Protein backbone atom coordinates (compact mmCIF):
# COMPACT_ATOMS: atom_id res chain seq x y z
CA UNK A 1 -0.07 0.00 0.05
CA UNK A 2 1.05 3.54 -0.68
CA UNK A 3 2.47 5.02 2.57
CA UNK A 4 0.57 8.32 2.04
CA UNK A 5 -2.75 6.44 1.77
CA UNK A 6 -2.05 4.56 4.94
CA UNK A 7 -1.17 7.74 6.77
CA UNK A 8 -4.43 9.39 5.60
CA UNK A 9 -6.43 6.34 6.75
CA UNK A 10 -4.76 6.39 10.18
CA UNK A 11 -5.39 10.14 10.51
CA UNK A 12 -9.11 9.52 9.74
CA UNK A 13 -9.24 6.74 12.44
CA UNK A 14 -7.52 9.09 14.92
CA UNK A 15 -9.93 11.92 14.21
CA UNK A 16 -12.90 9.57 14.59
CA UNK A 17 -11.70 8.21 17.92
CA UNK A 18 -10.93 11.71 19.18
CA UNK A 19 -14.36 12.88 18.22
CA UNK A 20 -15.85 10.02 20.31
CA UNK A 21 -13.57 10.92 23.26
CA UNK A 22 -11.54 7.77 22.96
CA UNK A 23 -7.80 7.86 23.54
CA UNK A 24 -5.92 6.53 20.52
CA UNK A 25 -2.40 6.35 19.22
CA UNK A 26 -1.59 5.34 15.65
CA UNK A 27 1.71 3.80 14.42
CA UNK A 28 3.03 2.55 11.11
CA UNK A 29 5.36 -0.44 11.67
CA UNK A 30 7.92 -1.21 9.06
CA UNK A 31 10.42 -3.51 10.72
CA UNK A 32 10.77 -6.30 8.17
CA UNK A 33 8.75 -8.79 10.20
CA UNK A 34 5.34 -10.34 9.43
CA UNK A 35 2.42 -8.17 10.53
CA UNK A 36 1.61 -10.50 13.42
CA UNK A 37 5.22 -10.48 14.67
CA UNK A 38 5.33 -6.69 14.41
CA UNK A 39 2.14 -6.24 16.41
CA UNK A 40 3.23 -8.70 19.18
CA UNK A 41 6.70 -7.18 19.41
CA UNK A 42 5.37 -3.62 19.45
CA UNK A 43 2.82 -4.52 22.17
CA UNK A 44 5.60 -6.04 24.27
CA UNK A 45 7.90 -3.04 23.74
CA UNK A 46 5.19 -0.52 24.68
CA UNK A 47 3.74 -2.68 27.51
CA UNK A 48 0.29 -2.58 25.86
CA UNK A 49 -2.59 -3.65 28.16
CA UNK A 50 -4.81 -5.19 25.43
CA UNK A 51 -4.81 -5.79 21.65
CA UNK A 52 -8.10 -5.59 19.64
CA UNK A 53 -7.99 -7.03 16.24
CA UNK A 54 -10.49 -7.66 13.48
CA UNK A 55 -10.63 -11.16 11.95
CA UNK A 56 -12.10 -12.76 8.88
CA UNK A 57 -13.46 -16.25 8.98
CA UNK A 58 -11.11 -18.63 7.14
CA UNK A 59 -11.19 -22.35 6.67
CA UNK A 60 -8.46 -24.45 8.26
CA UNK A 61 -6.99 -25.04 4.84
CA UNK A 62 -6.94 -21.24 4.18
CA UNK A 63 -5.03 -20.76 7.36
CA UNK A 64 -2.53 -23.48 6.54
CA UNK A 65 -1.85 -22.13 3.08
CA UNK A 66 -1.82 -18.41 3.77
CA UNK A 67 -0.97 -18.29 7.52
CA UNK A 68 -2.94 -16.18 9.99
CA UNK A 69 -1.67 -13.01 11.58
CA UNK A 70 -4.63 -12.94 13.95
CA UNK A 71 -3.87 -16.51 15.02
CA UNK A 72 -0.22 -15.60 15.69
CA UNK A 73 -1.20 -12.55 17.67
CA UNK A 74 -3.74 -14.46 19.78
CA UNK A 75 -1.25 -17.26 20.53
CA UNK A 76 1.91 -15.25 21.03
CA UNK A 77 0.83 -12.00 22.68
CA UNK A 78 1.71 -11.46 26.32
CA UNK A 79 -1.38 -9.31 26.91
CA UNK A 80 -5.01 -10.13 26.41
CA UNK A 81 -6.32 -10.12 22.79
CA UNK A 82 -9.90 -9.36 21.77
CA UNK A 83 -10.96 -10.49 18.28
CA UNK A 84 -13.83 -8.93 16.49
CA UNK A 85 -15.49 -10.44 13.58
């Protein structure tokens, strides 16, 4: 994805959260790891209290072939993870 597009999307999310009175920080992680590894490592570094992730329903074969960042985060995170479908 184009970095400018991602930054604009994150700014929109931040504005929406601020308008609702919800504290929010946004970060773009480019560390050379998988997305799941990046999130788990970032959460550990920042001592995050909870991770909330959106998931899509995939078959077991789909997870085997394509991997699952959500599954990695749920299994490897040191803090609680809430998954939202």
